Amino acid sequence: MKTISIFLLLIYWSIMIFLPVMSKDIKFSRAKTNNINSVEQKLGG
């Protein structure tokens, strides 16, 4: 029972640590694609 609770705690903390990091990466990649799209529009227009 103790090992299961430790395992669950490890999963919980890894999620807590990695969720903000992952969301930042997703926002950053979205911003990159938006910048590329805007540059293409400027060049095309």
N, C-alpha and C. Protein backbone atom coordinates (compact mmCIF):
# COMPACT_ATOMS: atom_id res chain seq x y z
N MET A 1 0.84 -1.21 0.00
CA MET A 1 0.00 0.00 0.00
C MET A 1 0.87 1.26 0.00
N LYS A 2 1.97 1.21 0.73
CA LYS A 2 2.85 2.37 0.83
C LYS A 2 3.48 2.68 -0.53
N THR A 3 3.91 1.63 -1.24
CA THR A 3 4.55 1.84 -2.55
C THR A 3 3.55 2.46 -3.54
N ILE A 4 2.30 2.03 -3.47
CA ILE A 4 1.26 2.57 -4.37
C ILE A 4 1.07 4.06 -4.10
N SER A 5 1.02 4.45 -2.83
CA SER A 5 0.81 5.86 -2.49
C SER A 5 2.00 6.70 -2.94
N ILE A 6 3.22 6.17 -2.79
CA ILE A 6 4.41 6.90 -3.24
C ILE A 6 4.36 7.07 -4.75
N PHE A 7 3.99 5.99 -5.44
CA PHE A 7 3.88 6.04 -6.90
C PHE A 7 2.86 7.09 -7.34
N LEU A 8 1.71 7.14 -6.69
CA LEU A 8 0.68 8.12 -7.02
C LEU A 8 1.18 9.54 -6.75
N LEU A 9 1.91 9.72 -5.66
CA LEU A 9 2.47 11.04 -5.35
C LEU A 9 3.46 11.47 -6.42
N LEU A 10 4.29 10.56 -6.87
CA LEU A 10 5.25 10.88 -7.93
C LEU A 10 4.53 11.30 -9.21
N ILE A 11 3.50 10.57 -9.58
CA ILE A 11 2.72 10.93 -10.77
C ILE A 11 2.09 12.31 -10.59
N TYR A 12 1.51 12.54 -9.41
CA TYR A 12 0.85 13.81 -9.13
C TYR A 12 1.82 14.98 -9.26
N TRP A 13 2.99 14.85 -8.65
CA TRP A 13 3.95 15.96 -8.68
C TRP A 13 4.55 16.16 -10.06
N SER A 14 4.76 15.07 -10.80
CA SER A 14 5.28 15.22 -12.15
C SER A 14 4.26 15.96 -13.03
N ILE A 15 2.98 15.66 -12.84
CA ILE A 15 1.94 16.38 -13.59
C ILE A 15 1.94 17.85 -13.19
N MET A 16 2.01 18.12 -11.90
CA MET A 16 1.98 19.51 -11.41
C MET A 16 3.17 20.32 -11.94
N ILE A 17 4.32 19.64 -12.08
CA ILE A 17 5.52 20.35 -12.55
C ILE A 17 5.47 20.53 -14.07
N PHE A 18 5.03 19.47 -14.78
CA PHE A 18 5.13 19.50 -16.24
C PHE A 18 3.97 20.20 -16.93
N LEU A 19 2.80 20.31 -16.28
CA LEU A 19 1.67 20.97 -16.94
C LEU A 19 1.96 22.43 -17.29
N PRO A 20 2.46 23.26 -16.38
CA PRO A 20 2.76 24.65 -16.76
C PRO A 20 3.83 24.74 -17.84
N VAL A 21 4.82 23.85 -17.77
CA VAL A 21 5.89 23.85 -18.78
C VAL A 21 5.32 23.51 -20.15
N MET A 22 4.48 22.48 -20.19
CA MET A 22 3.88 22.06 -21.46
C MET A 22 2.97 23.15 -22.02
N SER A 23 2.19 23.78 -21.17
CA SER A 23 1.28 24.83 -21.65
C SER A 23 2.08 26.01 -22.21
N LYS A 24 3.22 26.34 -21.59
CA LYS A 24 4.08 27.41 -22.11
C LYS A 24 4.60 27.03 -23.49
N ASP A 25 5.04 25.77 -23.65
CA ASP A 25 5.55 25.30 -24.94
C ASP A 25 4.47 25.38 -26.01
N ILE A 26 3.26 25.00 -25.66
CA ILE A 26 2.15 25.03 -26.62
C ILE A 26 1.87 26.47 -27.04
N LYS A 27 1.83 27.39 -26.07
CA LYS A 27 1.59 28.80 -26.38
C LYS A 27 2.72 29.35 -27.25
N PHE A 28 3.95 28.95 -26.93
CA PHE A 28 5.11 29.44 -27.68
C PHE A 28 5.06 28.94 -29.13
N SER A 29 4.71 27.67 -29.32
CA SER A 29 4.63 27.13 -30.68
C SER A 29 3.49 27.80 -31.45
N ARG A 30 2.39 28.10 -30.76
CA ARG A 30 1.29 28.82 -31.41
C ARG A 30 1.74 30.21 -31.85
N ALA A 31 2.48 30.90 -30.99
CA ALA A 31 2.95 32.24 -31.32
C ALA A 31 3.90 32.16 -32.51
N LYS A 32 4.74 31.15 -32.55
CA LYS A 32 5.67 30.98 -33.67
C LYS A 32 4.89 30.83 -34.98
N THR A 33 3.88 29.96 -35.00
CA THR A 33 3.11 29.75 -36.22
C THR A 33 2.37 31.02 -36.62
N ASN A 34 1.87 31.76 -35.64
CA ASN A 34 1.18 33.02 -35.94
C ASN A 34 2.13 34.02 -36.57
N ASN A 35 3.35 34.11 -36.06
CA ASN A 35 4.34 35.01 -36.62
C ASN A 35 4.69 34.63 -38.05
N ILE A 36 4.84 33.35 -38.31
CA ILE A 36 5.15 32.89 -39.65
C ILE A 36 4.02 33.24 -40.61
N ASN A 37 2.78 33.02 -40.16
CA ASN A 37 1.63 33.34 -40.99
C ASN A 37 1.56 34.84 -41.31
N SER A 38 1.83 35.68 -40.32
CA SER A 38 1.75 37.12 -40.53
C SER A 38 2.86 37.58 -41.50
N VAL A 39 4.04 36.98 -41.40
CA VAL A 39 5.15 37.33 -42.31
C VAL A 39 4.79 36.93 -43.73
N GLU A 40 4.20 35.75 -43.90
CA GLU A 40 3.79 35.32 -45.23
C GLU A 40 2.75 36.25 -45.83
N GLN A 41 1.82 36.70 -44.99
CA GLN A 41 0.80 37.62 -45.48
C GLN A 41 1.42 38.95 -45.91
N LYS A 42 2.40 39.42 -45.14
CA LYS A 42 3.06 40.69 -45.48
C LYS A 42 3.81 40.56 -46.81
N LEU A 43 4.49 39.42 -46.96
CA LEU A 43 5.27 39.22 -48.18
C LEU A 43 4.32 39.04 -49.38
N GLY A 44 3.25 38.31 -49.17
CA GLY A 44 2.30 38.07 -50.25
C GLY A 44 1.52 39.32 -50.61
N GLY A 45 1.21 40.12 -49.61
CA GLY A 45 0.37 41.30 -49.85
C GLY A 45 1.23 42.45 -50.23
